[in-house]
Amino acid sequence: MKIKNIQEIYEHLFEHYGPQHWWPADTDFEMMISAILVQNTNWRNVEKALEQLRPYLTPQQLDVLSKEEIAQFIRSSGFYNRKAERIKSFLSWLKNYHFHIDSIRDKDKKQLREELLQISGIGKETADSILLYVFNTPVFIVDAYAKRIFYRLGYDLPDDYDSFRQLVEKELPQDVQLYNEFHALLVQHAKTYCKSKPICDRCPLSGLCKRRV
């Protein structure tokens, strides 16, 4: 079976796994904080950190905590001192909008992405996660899971983040829900079958895969 287009990958994954209901957060603010916490760690460790932060998970409450206090709450996420600094930098940016996330929604999304990327510790993957899940921007998130899966499917991947992102986006409709599901489905597939050491038996993409191991 040959890949007709990138949407075919999405359709195979969606048929196999169904809707994923991501990002798992109770509020938009929690989503944004967890996007910082998940850098270089797994979701289980993020959940532990969020549980410790739970009494302070509004921007106003978190803002009054010191960097050192935040670091102690998020130790389970790893690199906790660095991530505490990033959270404080993010809060400083959000404070420019009086902590009102809704007031940011109408901003030009290209400009908003540039603002996010100016925050210390917010890279393209984190910025795009926030844009997709909080600000309903149809953007493809290039993470390690996506790179691994697309490589094994036979794609000649650009080294540059935005070149890879645009390669995918030009073949997909500008549908926020599709990008939301596609990101979550790729994460689920990488955890289930397309691991570092892949499990190719019963893989829903086995018929499309160019680099079966």
N, C-alpha and C. Protein backbone atom coordinates (compact mmCIF):
# COMPACT_ATOMS: atom_id res chain seq x y z
N MET A 1 0.84 -1.20 0.00
CA MET A 1 0.00 0.00 0.00
C MET A 1 0.88 1.25 0.00
N LYS A 2 0.64 2.17 -0.89
CA LYS A 2 1.42 3.40 -0.96
C LYS A 2 0.67 4.54 -0.27
N ILE A 3 1.44 5.47 0.27
CA ILE A 3 0.86 6.64 0.87
C ILE A 3 0.35 7.56 -0.23
N LYS A 4 -0.94 7.87 -0.20
CA LYS A 4 -1.49 8.80 -1.17
C LYS A 4 -1.21 10.23 -0.74
N ASN A 5 -1.40 10.50 0.51
CA ASN A 5 -1.14 11.83 1.05
C ASN A 5 -1.07 11.73 2.56
N ILE A 6 -0.68 12.84 3.19
CA ILE A 6 -0.51 12.83 4.64
C ILE A 6 -1.83 12.62 5.36
N GLN A 7 -2.92 13.08 4.77
CA GLN A 7 -4.21 12.89 5.43
C GLN A 7 -4.55 11.41 5.55
N GLU A 8 -4.03 10.59 4.65
CA GLU A 8 -4.27 9.15 4.74
C GLU A 8 -3.65 8.58 6.03
N ILE A 9 -2.49 9.11 6.42
CA ILE A 9 -1.89 8.68 7.69
C ILE A 9 -2.82 9.02 8.85
N TYR A 10 -3.31 10.25 8.83
CA TYR A 10 -4.25 10.67 9.88
C TYR A 10 -5.48 9.75 9.91
N GLU A 11 -6.05 9.48 8.76
CA GLU A 11 -7.28 8.67 8.71
C GLU A 11 -7.05 7.26 9.23
N HIS A 12 -5.89 6.66 8.89
CA HIS A 12 -5.58 5.33 9.41
C HIS A 12 -5.47 5.35 10.93
N LEU A 13 -4.78 6.36 11.45
CA LEU A 13 -4.61 6.44 12.91
C LEU A 13 -5.94 6.71 13.61
N PHE A 14 -6.74 7.59 13.04
CA PHE A 14 -8.02 7.92 13.68
C PHE A 14 -8.95 6.71 13.68
N GLU A 15 -8.94 5.97 12.58
CA GLU A 15 -9.78 4.77 12.51
C GLU A 15 -9.36 3.75 13.56
N HIS A 16 -8.06 3.65 13.79
CA HIS A 16 -7.55 2.66 14.74
C HIS A 16 -7.74 3.08 16.20
N TYR A 17 -7.41 4.34 16.52
CA TYR A 17 -7.38 4.78 17.92
C TYR A 17 -8.62 5.56 18.35
N GLY A 18 -9.30 6.18 17.40
CA GLY A 18 -10.45 7.02 17.74
C GLY A 18 -10.01 8.35 18.32
N PRO A 19 -10.97 9.20 18.71
CA PRO A 19 -10.64 10.53 19.25
C PRO A 19 -9.85 10.43 20.54
N GLN A 20 -8.89 11.34 20.71
CA GLN A 20 -7.95 11.26 21.83
C GLN A 20 -8.23 12.23 22.98
N HIS A 21 -9.06 13.24 22.72
CA HIS A 21 -9.44 14.20 23.77
C HIS A 21 -8.23 14.88 24.41
N TRP A 22 -7.32 15.34 23.56
CA TRP A 22 -6.14 16.08 24.03
C TRP A 22 -6.35 17.56 23.77
N TRP A 23 -5.74 18.43 24.53
CA TRP A 23 -4.73 18.28 25.57
C TRP A 23 -5.44 18.03 26.90
N PRO A 24 -4.99 17.09 27.75
CA PRO A 24 -5.67 16.80 29.01
C PRO A 24 -5.39 17.86 30.08
N ALA A 25 -6.18 18.92 30.08
CA ALA A 25 -6.02 19.98 31.08
C ALA A 25 -7.40 20.54 31.41
N ASP A 26 -7.55 21.02 32.64
CA ASP A 26 -8.84 21.54 33.08
C ASP A 26 -9.08 22.97 32.60
N THR A 27 -8.01 23.72 32.36
CA THR A 27 -8.13 25.11 31.94
C THR A 27 -7.08 25.42 30.88
N ASP A 28 -7.29 26.51 30.16
CA ASP A 28 -6.28 26.92 29.17
C ASP A 28 -4.95 27.24 29.85
N PHE A 29 -5.02 27.85 31.02
CA PHE A 29 -3.78 28.19 31.71
C PHE A 29 -3.02 26.93 32.12
N GLU A 30 -3.73 25.94 32.60
CA GLU A 30 -3.09 24.67 32.96
C GLU A 30 -2.43 24.04 31.74
N MET A 31 -3.11 24.14 30.59
CA MET A 31 -2.52 23.59 29.37
C MET A 31 -1.19 24.26 29.06
N MET A 32 -1.15 25.58 29.17
CA MET A 32 0.07 26.31 28.84
C MET A 32 1.21 25.98 29.79
N ILE A 33 0.91 25.86 31.06
CA ILE A 33 1.94 25.50 32.04
C ILE A 33 2.43 24.07 31.78
N SER A 34 1.50 23.17 31.48
CA SER A 34 1.92 21.78 31.24
C SER A 34 2.74 21.67 29.96
N ALA A 35 2.53 22.56 28.98
CA ALA A 35 3.34 22.54 27.77
C ALA A 35 4.80 22.88 28.08
N ILE A 36 5.01 23.67 29.11
CA ILE A 36 6.38 23.96 29.56
C ILE A 36 6.92 22.78 30.36
N LEU A 37 6.10 22.24 31.24
CA LEU A 37 6.54 21.14 32.09
C LEU A 37 6.90 19.88 31.30
N VAL A 38 6.24 19.65 30.17
CA VAL A 38 6.44 18.40 29.43
C VAL A 38 7.73 18.41 28.62
N GLN A 39 8.41 19.53 28.56
CA GLN A 39 9.68 19.58 27.84
C GLN A 39 10.68 18.59 28.45
N ASN A 40 11.17 17.69 27.61
CA ASN A 40 12.21 16.72 28.01
C ASN A 40 11.78 15.79 29.13
N THR A 41 10.51 15.46 29.18
CA THR A 41 10.06 14.47 30.16
C THR A 41 8.79 13.81 29.62
N ASN A 42 8.24 12.86 30.38
CA ASN A 42 7.02 12.21 29.95
C ASN A 42 5.81 12.77 30.70
N TRP A 43 4.63 12.43 30.20
CA TRP A 43 3.41 13.02 30.73
C TRP A 43 3.15 12.60 32.18
N ARG A 44 3.56 11.41 32.54
CA ARG A 44 3.35 10.95 33.92
C ARG A 44 4.03 11.88 34.92
N ASN A 45 5.25 12.31 34.59
CA ASN A 45 5.96 13.24 35.47
C ASN A 45 5.30 14.61 35.50
N VAL A 46 4.72 15.01 34.37
CA VAL A 46 3.99 16.28 34.33
C VAL A 46 2.77 16.22 35.24
N GLU A 47 2.07 15.12 35.20
CA GLU A 47 0.87 14.98 36.04
C GLU A 47 1.22 15.10 37.53
N LYS A 48 2.35 14.53 37.91
CA LYS A 48 2.78 14.64 39.30
C LYS A 48 3.07 16.09 39.67
N ALA A 49 3.73 16.80 38.77
CA ALA A 49 4.06 18.20 39.02
C ALA A 49 2.79 19.05 39.08
N LEU A 50 1.86 18.79 38.17
CA LEU A 50 0.60 19.55 38.18
C LEU A 50 -0.18 19.33 39.46
N GLU A 51 -0.13 18.11 39.97
CA GLU A 51 -0.84 17.83 41.22
C GLU A 51 -0.27 18.65 42.37
N GLN A 52 1.04 18.80 42.38
CA GLN A 52 1.67 19.63 43.41
C GLN A 52 1.33 21.11 43.23
N LEU A 53 1.18 21.53 41.98
CA LEU A 53 0.87 22.93 41.68
C LEU A 53 -0.62 23.25 41.79
N ARG A 54 -1.45 22.22 41.92
CA ARG A 54 -2.91 22.38 41.82
C ARG A 54 -3.46 23.54 42.64
N PRO A 55 -3.03 23.79 43.87
CA PRO A 55 -3.61 24.91 44.63
C PRO A 55 -3.26 26.29 44.06
N TYR A 56 -2.33 26.34 43.09
CA TYR A 56 -1.85 27.62 42.58
C TYR A 56 -2.04 27.77 41.07
N LEU A 57 -2.93 26.95 40.48
CA LEU A 57 -3.00 26.91 39.03
C LEU A 57 -3.92 27.97 38.43
N THR A 58 -3.73 29.19 38.87
CA THR A 58 -4.22 30.36 38.15
C THR A 58 -3.02 31.27 37.95
N PRO A 59 -3.02 32.10 36.93
CA PRO A 59 -1.85 32.97 36.72
C PRO A 59 -1.58 33.89 37.89
N GLN A 60 -2.64 34.41 38.53
CA GLN A 60 -2.44 35.32 39.65
C GLN A 60 -1.81 34.62 40.85
N GLN A 61 -2.26 33.40 41.13
CA GLN A 61 -1.73 32.67 42.28
C GLN A 61 -0.30 32.20 42.02
N LEU A 62 -0.04 31.74 40.81
CA LEU A 62 1.29 31.25 40.50
C LEU A 62 2.30 32.39 40.45
N ASP A 63 1.83 33.56 40.06
CA ASP A 63 2.72 34.71 39.93
C ASP A 63 3.31 35.14 41.27
N VAL A 64 2.58 34.93 42.37
CA VAL A 64 3.08 35.37 43.67
C VAL A 64 4.12 34.42 44.25
N LEU A 65 4.23 33.22 43.69
CA LEU A 65 5.23 32.27 44.16
C LEU A 65 6.60 32.67 43.62
N SER A 66 7.62 32.42 44.38
CA SER A 66 8.98 32.66 43.91
C SER A 66 9.40 31.56 42.96
N LYS A 67 10.45 31.83 42.20
CA LYS A 67 11.01 30.82 41.31
C LYS A 67 11.41 29.57 42.10
N GLU A 68 11.97 29.77 43.28
CA GLU A 68 12.41 28.64 44.11
C GLU A 68 11.23 27.81 44.59
N GLU A 69 10.13 28.48 44.94
CA GLU A 69 8.94 27.74 45.38
C GLU A 69 8.36 26.92 44.24
N ILE A 70 8.27 27.52 43.07
CA ILE A 70 7.75 26.78 41.92
C ILE A 70 8.64 25.57 41.61
N ALA A 71 9.95 25.77 41.68
CA ALA A 71 10.88 24.68 41.38
C ALA A 71 10.64 23.48 42.28
N GLN A 72 10.36 23.72 43.55
CA GLN A 72 10.13 22.61 44.47
C GLN A 72 8.84 21.87 44.15
N PHE A 73 7.83 22.60 43.70
CA PHE A 73 6.56 21.96 43.35
C PHE A 73 6.68 21.09 42.10
N ILE A 74 7.59 21.44 41.20
CA ILE A 74 7.64 20.76 39.89
C ILE A 74 8.86 19.85 39.76
N ARG A 75 9.43 19.44 40.86
CA ARG A 75 10.64 18.61 40.82
C ARG A 75 10.45 17.36 39.96
N SER A 76 9.27 16.76 40.00
CA SER A 76 9.04 15.51 39.27
C SER A 76 9.16 15.68 37.75
N SER A 77 9.06 16.91 37.26
CA SER A 77 9.11 17.13 35.82
C SER A 77 10.53 17.16 35.27
N GLY A 78 11.53 17.17 36.15
CA GLY A 78 12.91 17.22 35.70
C GLY A 78 13.32 18.63 35.27
N PHE A 79 14.60 18.92 35.34
CA PHE A 79 15.11 20.26 34.99
C PHE A 79 14.26 21.34 35.66
N TYR A 80 13.92 21.10 36.91
CA TYR A 80 12.89 21.91 37.56
C TYR A 80 13.30 23.36 37.79
N ASN A 81 14.58 23.61 38.04
CA ASN A 81 15.01 25.00 38.20
C ASN A 81 14.87 25.77 36.88
N ARG A 82 15.28 25.12 35.81
CA ARG A 82 15.17 25.75 34.49
C ARG A 82 13.71 25.98 34.12
N LYS A 83 12.87 24.98 34.39
CA LYS A 83 11.46 25.12 34.04
C LYS A 83 10.76 26.17 34.91
N ALA A 84 11.19 26.29 36.15
CA ALA A 84 10.63 27.34 37.01
C ALA A 84 10.95 28.71 36.43
N GLU A 85 12.16 28.89 35.93
CA GLU A 85 12.53 30.15 35.28
C GLU A 85 11.66 30.40 34.06
N ARG A 86 11.39 29.37 33.30
CA ARG A 86 10.57 29.51 32.10
C ARG A 86 9.13 29.86 32.47
N ILE A 87 8.63 29.26 33.51
CA ILE A 87 7.27 29.59 33.95
C ILE A 87 7.19 31.04 34.39
N LYS A 88 8.18 31.51 35.12
CA LYS A 88 8.18 32.92 35.54
C LYS A 88 8.29 33.85 34.33
N SER A 89 9.07 33.49 33.35
CA SER A 89 9.17 34.31 32.14
C SER A 89 7.84 34.33 31.40
N PHE A 90 7.20 33.17 31.33
CA PHE A 90 5.89 33.09 30.68
C PHE A 90 4.87 33.95 31.42
N LEU A 91 4.88 33.91 32.74
CA LEU A 91 3.96 34.72 33.52
C LEU A 91 4.20 36.21 33.32
N SER A 92 5.45 36.60 33.16
CA SER A 92 5.77 38.01 32.90
C SER A 92 5.15 38.46 31.58
N TRP A 93 5.22 37.58 30.57
CA TRP A 93 4.59 37.90 29.29
C TRP A 93 3.07 38.00 29.43
N LEU A 94 2.47 37.01 30.10
CA LEU A 94 1.02 36.98 30.25
C LEU A 94 0.51 38.18 31.07
N LYS A 95 1.36 38.65 31.96
CA LYS A 95 0.99 39.80 32.79
C LYS A 95 0.81 41.05 31.93
N ASN A 96 1.46 41.11 30.80
CA ASN A 96 1.28 42.24 29.88
C ASN A 96 -0.17 42.33 29.41
N TYR A 97 -0.86 41.20 29.46
CA TYR A 97 -2.27 41.14 29.07
C TYR A 97 -3.18 41.04 30.30
N HIS A 98 -2.64 41.43 31.44
CA HIS A 98 -3.39 41.42 32.71
C HIS A 98 -3.91 40.02 33.04
N PHE A 99 -3.17 39.01 32.59
CA PHE A 99 -3.50 37.61 32.83
C PHE A 99 -4.83 37.20 32.20
N HIS A 100 -5.33 37.98 31.26
CA HIS A 100 -6.61 37.68 30.61
C HIS A 100 -6.34 36.96 29.28
N ILE A 101 -6.42 35.66 29.30
CA ILE A 101 -6.13 34.87 28.11
C ILE A 101 -7.10 35.21 26.98
N ASP A 102 -8.35 35.46 27.32
CA ASP A 102 -9.34 35.77 26.29
C ASP A 102 -8.99 37.03 25.51
N SER A 103 -8.28 37.94 26.14
CA SER A 103 -7.94 39.19 25.45
C SER A 103 -6.88 38.99 24.38
N ILE A 104 -6.26 37.82 24.36
CA ILE A 104 -5.21 37.52 23.38
C ILE A 104 -5.76 36.81 22.16
N ARG A 105 -6.96 36.27 22.26
CA ARG A 105 -7.48 35.37 21.22
C ARG A 105 -7.61 36.04 19.85
N ASP A 106 -7.87 37.32 19.83
CA ASP A 106 -8.07 38.00 18.54
C ASP A 106 -6.78 38.53 17.93
N LYS A 107 -5.66 38.31 18.58
CA LYS A 107 -4.39 38.77 18.02
C LYS A 107 -4.06 38.00 16.74
N ASP A 108 -3.35 38.67 15.86
CA ASP A 108 -2.84 37.99 14.68
C ASP A 108 -1.98 36.81 15.13
N LYS A 109 -2.26 35.62 14.59
CA LYS A 109 -1.61 34.41 15.09
C LYS A 109 -0.13 34.36 14.75
N LYS A 110 0.26 34.94 13.65
CA LYS A 110 1.69 34.99 13.32
C LYS A 110 2.41 35.88 14.33
N GLN A 111 1.81 37.01 14.66
CA GLN A 111 2.40 37.91 15.64
C GLN A 111 2.43 37.25 17.01
N LEU A 112 1.36 36.54 17.36
CA LEU A 112 1.31 35.87 18.66
C LEU A 112 2.40 34.80 18.75
N ARG A 113 2.62 34.07 17.67
CA ARG A 113 3.69 33.06 17.67
C ARG A 113 5.05 33.71 17.91
N GLU A 114 5.28 34.85 17.27
CA GLU A 114 6.53 35.55 17.46
C GLU A 114 6.69 36.01 18.91
N GLU A 115 5.61 36.47 19.51
CA GLU A 115 5.68 36.88 20.92
C GLU A 115 6.02 35.69 21.82
N LEU A 116 5.38 34.58 21.58
CA LEU A 116 5.65 33.39 22.39
C LEU A 116 7.11 32.96 22.25
N LEU A 117 7.63 33.04 21.04
CA LEU A 117 9.01 32.61 20.81
C LEU A 117 10.03 33.56 21.43
N GLN A 118 9.60 34.76 21.78
CA GLN A 118 10.49 35.70 22.46
C GLN A 118 10.60 35.42 23.96
N ILE A 119 9.71 34.56 24.48
CA ILE A 119 9.75 34.22 25.90
C ILE A 119 10.89 33.24 26.14
N SER A 120 11.70 33.51 27.12
CA SER A 120 12.84 32.64 27.42
C SER A 120 12.37 31.21 27.71
N GLY A 121 12.91 30.26 26.96
CA GLY A 121 12.58 28.86 27.19
C GLY A 121 11.39 28.34 26.41
N ILE A 122 10.74 29.20 25.64
CA ILE A 122 9.61 28.76 24.82
C ILE A 122 10.11 28.59 23.39
N GLY A 123 10.25 27.33 22.98
CA GLY A 123 10.67 27.04 21.62
C GLY A 123 9.49 26.84 20.70
N LYS A 124 9.76 26.45 19.48
CA LYS A 124 8.71 26.35 18.47
C LYS A 124 7.68 25.27 18.81
N GLU A 125 8.14 24.14 19.31
CA GLU A 125 7.19 23.07 19.65
C GLU A 125 6.23 23.51 20.76
N THR A 126 6.77 24.15 21.79
CA THR A 126 5.93 24.61 22.90
C THR A 126 5.00 25.72 22.44
N ALA A 127 5.52 26.66 21.66
CA ALA A 127 4.69 27.75 21.16
C ALA A 127 3.55 27.23 20.29
N ASP A 128 3.86 26.28 19.42
CA ASP A 128 2.83 25.75 18.53
C ASP A 128 1.79 24.93 19.30
N SER A 129 2.21 24.25 20.35
CA SER A 129 1.25 23.53 21.19
C SER A 129 0.25 24.51 21.82
N ILE A 130 0.76 25.62 22.32
CA ILE A 130 -0.10 26.64 22.92
C ILE A 130 -1.02 27.24 21.86
N LEU A 131 -0.49 27.53 20.69
CA LEU A 131 -1.29 28.10 19.62
C LEU A 131 -2.43 27.16 19.21
N LEU A 132 -2.12 25.87 19.11
CA LEU A 132 -3.13 24.91 18.68
C LEU A 132 -4.19 24.69 19.75
N TYR A 133 -3.76 24.39 20.96
CA TYR A 133 -4.70 23.93 21.97
C TYR A 133 -5.40 25.05 22.74
N VAL A 134 -4.81 26.22 22.79
CA VAL A 134 -5.43 27.33 23.51
C VAL A 134 -6.02 28.36 22.55
N PHE A 135 -5.29 28.66 21.48
CA PHE A 135 -5.71 29.74 20.60
C PHE A 135 -6.26 29.26 19.25
N ASN A 136 -6.57 27.96 19.19
CA ASN A 136 -7.30 27.39 18.05
C ASN A 136 -6.68 27.75 16.70
N THR A 137 -5.38 27.59 16.64
CA THR A 137 -4.64 27.86 15.40
C THR A 137 -4.29 26.54 14.74
N PRO A 138 -4.67 26.34 13.48
CA PRO A 138 -4.34 25.08 12.81
C PRO A 138 -2.86 25.02 12.46
N VAL A 139 -2.10 24.38 13.33
CA VAL A 139 -0.64 24.29 13.15
C VAL A 139 -0.20 22.87 13.48
N PHE A 140 0.74 22.36 12.70
CA PHE A 140 1.26 21.01 12.94
C PHE A 140 2.42 21.09 13.91
N ILE A 141 2.35 20.31 14.97
CA ILE A 141 3.38 20.30 16.00
C ILE A 141 4.45 19.27 15.64
N VAL A 142 5.65 19.74 15.45
CA VAL A 142 6.77 18.86 15.11
C VAL A 142 7.47 18.44 16.39
N ASP A 143 7.17 17.24 16.86
CA ASP A 143 7.86 16.73 18.04
C ASP A 143 8.65 15.48 17.66
N ALA A 144 9.32 14.90 18.64
CA ALA A 144 10.16 13.73 18.37
C ALA A 144 9.34 12.56 17.84
N TYR A 145 8.10 12.43 18.32
CA TYR A 145 7.25 11.33 17.86
C TYR A 145 6.90 11.49 16.39
N ALA A 146 6.53 12.71 15.99
CA ALA A 146 6.19 12.95 14.59
C ALA A 146 7.40 12.67 13.69
N LYS A 147 8.57 13.13 14.11
CA LYS A 147 9.77 12.91 13.31
C LYS A 147 10.04 11.42 13.13
N ARG A 148 9.93 10.67 14.22
CA ARG A 148 10.19 9.23 14.16
C ARG A 148 9.22 8.53 13.22
N ILE A 149 7.93 8.84 13.34
CA ILE A 149 6.92 8.16 12.54
C ILE A 149 7.05 8.52 11.07
N PHE A 150 7.20 9.80 10.77
CA PHE A 150 7.30 10.21 9.37
C PHE A 150 8.57 9.67 8.72
N TYR A 151 9.65 9.59 9.47
CA TYR A 151 10.88 9.01 8.93
C TYR A 151 10.65 7.55 8.56
N ARG A 152 10.03 6.80 9.45
CA ARG A 152 9.81 5.38 9.18
C ARG A 152 8.81 5.16 8.06
N LEU A 153 7.94 6.13 7.84
CA LEU A 153 7.00 6.02 6.72
C LEU A 153 7.66 6.37 5.39
N GLY A 154 8.91 6.81 5.43
CA GLY A 154 9.64 7.02 4.20
C GLY A 154 9.80 8.45 3.76
N TYR A 155 9.43 9.39 4.61
CA TYR A 155 9.57 10.80 4.25
C TYR A 155 11.01 11.27 4.41
N ASP A 156 11.43 12.07 3.45
CA ASP A 156 12.73 12.73 3.52
C ASP A 156 12.53 14.01 4.34
N LEU A 157 12.86 13.96 5.60
CA LEU A 157 12.48 15.02 6.52
C LEU A 157 13.45 16.19 6.46
N PRO A 158 12.92 17.41 6.35
CA PRO A 158 13.78 18.59 6.47
C PRO A 158 14.35 18.68 7.88
N ASP A 159 15.56 19.19 7.99
CA ASP A 159 16.16 19.37 9.32
C ASP A 159 15.49 20.52 10.07
N ASP A 160 15.03 21.51 9.35
CA ASP A 160 14.47 22.71 9.95
C ASP A 160 13.04 22.46 10.43
N TYR A 161 12.74 22.90 11.64
CA TYR A 161 11.41 22.68 12.24
C TYR A 161 10.30 23.21 11.33
N ASP A 162 10.41 24.48 10.94
CA ASP A 162 9.33 25.09 10.18
C ASP A 162 9.18 24.49 8.78
N SER A 163 10.26 24.02 8.20
CA SER A 163 10.16 23.37 6.89
C SER A 163 9.37 22.07 6.99
N PHE A 164 9.61 21.31 8.04
CA PHE A 164 8.86 20.08 8.28
C PHE A 164 7.39 20.42 8.55
N ARG A 165 7.17 21.41 9.39
CA ARG A 165 5.79 21.83 9.72
C ARG A 165 5.04 22.21 8.45
N GLN A 166 5.66 23.00 7.60
CA GLN A 166 5.00 23.47 6.38
C GLN A 166 4.79 22.34 5.38
N LEU A 167 5.71 21.37 5.36
CA LEU A 167 5.54 20.21 4.49
C LEU A 167 4.23 19.49 4.78
N VAL A 168 3.93 19.35 6.07
CA VAL A 168 2.69 18.68 6.48
C VAL A 168 1.49 19.58 6.26
N GLU A 169 1.60 20.84 6.65
CA GLU A 169 0.46 21.75 6.60
C GLU A 169 -0.05 21.99 5.18
N LYS A 170 0.84 21.95 4.20
CA LYS A 170 0.40 22.23 2.83
C LYS A 170 -0.47 21.10 2.27
N GLU A 171 -0.46 19.93 2.94
CA GLU A 171 -1.26 18.80 2.48
C GLU A 171 -2.51 18.57 3.31
N LEU A 172 -2.73 19.40 4.31
CA LEU A 172 -3.88 19.21 5.18
C LEU A 172 -4.78 20.44 5.13
N PRO A 173 -6.10 20.24 5.30
CA PRO A 173 -7.00 21.39 5.39
C PRO A 173 -6.74 22.18 6.67
N GLN A 174 -7.08 23.44 6.67
CA GLN A 174 -6.87 24.29 7.84
C GLN A 174 -7.99 24.05 8.85
N ASP A 175 -7.93 22.89 9.48
CA ASP A 175 -8.97 22.43 10.40
C ASP A 175 -8.33 22.22 11.77
N VAL A 176 -8.70 23.04 12.73
CA VAL A 176 -8.09 22.98 14.06
C VAL A 176 -8.29 21.62 14.69
N GLN A 177 -9.50 21.07 14.59
CA GLN A 177 -9.77 19.78 15.21
C GLN A 177 -8.92 18.68 14.60
N LEU A 178 -8.69 18.74 13.30
CA LEU A 178 -7.84 17.73 12.64
C LEU A 178 -6.42 17.81 13.18
N TYR A 179 -5.86 19.02 13.28
CA TYR A 179 -4.50 19.16 13.80
C TYR A 179 -4.41 18.72 15.26
N ASN A 180 -5.44 19.03 16.01
CA ASN A 180 -5.51 18.60 17.41
C ASN A 180 -5.44 17.08 17.50
N GLU A 181 -6.32 16.43 16.75
CA GLU A 181 -6.35 14.96 16.79
C GLU A 181 -5.08 14.36 16.22
N PHE A 182 -4.55 14.94 15.14
CA PHE A 182 -3.37 14.36 14.50
C PHE A 182 -2.18 14.35 15.46
N HIS A 183 -1.97 15.45 16.15
CA HIS A 183 -0.88 15.50 17.11
C HIS A 183 -1.05 14.42 18.18
N ALA A 184 -2.25 14.35 18.75
CA ALA A 184 -2.51 13.37 19.81
C ALA A 184 -2.39 11.94 19.29
N LEU A 185 -2.85 11.70 18.08
CA LEU A 185 -2.77 10.35 17.50
C LEU A 185 -1.33 9.93 17.25
N LEU A 186 -0.51 10.85 16.79
CA LEU A 186 0.91 10.52 16.57
C LEU A 186 1.60 10.20 17.89
N VAL A 187 1.27 10.95 18.93
CA VAL A 187 1.83 10.66 20.26
C VAL A 187 1.40 9.27 20.71
N GLN A 188 0.11 8.98 20.58
CA GLN A 188 -0.40 7.67 21.00
C GLN A 188 0.24 6.54 20.20
N HIS A 189 0.38 6.75 18.90
CA HIS A 189 0.95 5.70 18.06
C HIS A 189 2.42 5.44 18.40
N ALA A 190 3.16 6.52 18.67
CA ALA A 190 4.57 6.36 19.03
C ALA A 190 4.73 5.64 20.35
N LYS A 191 3.79 5.82 21.25
CA LYS A 191 3.86 5.14 22.54
C LYS A 191 3.43 3.68 22.45
N THR A 192 2.53 3.40 21.50
CA THR A 192 1.95 2.06 21.41
C THR A 192 2.74 1.13 20.50
N TYR A 193 3.06 1.59 19.30
CA TYR A 193 3.73 0.75 18.31
C TYR A 193 5.07 1.31 17.83
N CYS A 194 5.09 2.58 17.45
CA CYS A 194 6.28 3.13 16.81
C CYS A 194 7.25 3.67 17.86
N LYS A 195 7.64 2.77 18.75
CA LYS A 195 8.57 3.11 19.83
C LYS A 195 9.98 3.18 19.27
N SER A 196 10.94 3.54 20.13
CA SER A 196 12.34 3.54 19.70
C SER A 196 12.69 2.18 19.10
N LYS A 197 12.24 1.11 19.75
CA LYS A 197 12.31 -0.23 19.17
C LYS A 197 10.88 -0.58 18.76
N PRO A 198 10.55 -0.45 17.49
CA PRO A 198 9.14 -0.53 17.07
C PRO A 198 8.54 -1.92 17.20
N ILE A 199 7.24 -1.94 17.39
CA ILE A 199 6.46 -3.17 17.39
C ILE A 199 5.63 -3.14 16.11
N CYS A 200 6.09 -3.82 15.08
CA CYS A 200 5.47 -3.71 13.77
C CYS A 200 4.24 -4.61 13.59
N ASP A 201 4.17 -5.67 14.37
CA ASP A 201 3.01 -6.56 14.27
C ASP A 201 1.76 -5.82 14.71
N ARG A 202 0.74 -5.89 13.92
CA ARG A 202 -0.58 -5.29 14.18
C ARG A 202 -0.55 -3.76 14.14
N CYS A 203 0.56 -3.17 13.73
CA CYS A 203 0.64 -1.72 13.61
C CYS A 203 -0.33 -1.24 12.53
N PRO A 204 -1.17 -0.26 12.83
CA PRO A 204 -2.15 0.21 11.83
C PRO A 204 -1.53 0.90 10.63
N LEU A 205 -0.25 1.25 10.72
CA LEU A 205 0.43 1.88 9.59
C LEU A 205 1.42 0.94 8.90
N SER A 206 1.38 -0.34 9.25
CA SER A 206 2.40 -1.27 8.72
C SER A 206 2.35 -1.33 7.20
N GLY A 207 1.18 -1.20 6.61
CA GLY A 207 1.06 -1.27 5.16
C GLY A 207 1.60 -0.04 4.47
N LEU A 208 1.81 1.03 5.22
CA LEU A 208 2.33 2.27 4.63
C LEU A 208 3.82 2.45 4.92
N CYS A 209 4.36 1.65 5.82
CA CYS A 209 5.69 1.90 6.35
C CYS A 209 6.78 1.48 5.37
N LYS A 210 7.75 2.36 5.15
CA LYS A 210 8.85 2.08 4.23
C LYS A 210 10.07 1.51 4.95
N ARG A 211 10.11 1.66 6.27
CA ARG A 211 11.32 1.28 7.01
C ARG A 211 10.95 0.33 8.15
N ARG A 212 10.20 -0.70 7.84
CA ARG A 212 9.88 -1.68 8.87
C ARG A 212 11.18 -2.32 9.37
N VAL A 213 11.25 -2.47 10.68
CA VAL A 213 12.47 -2.99 11.30
C VAL A 213 12.33 -4.48 11.55
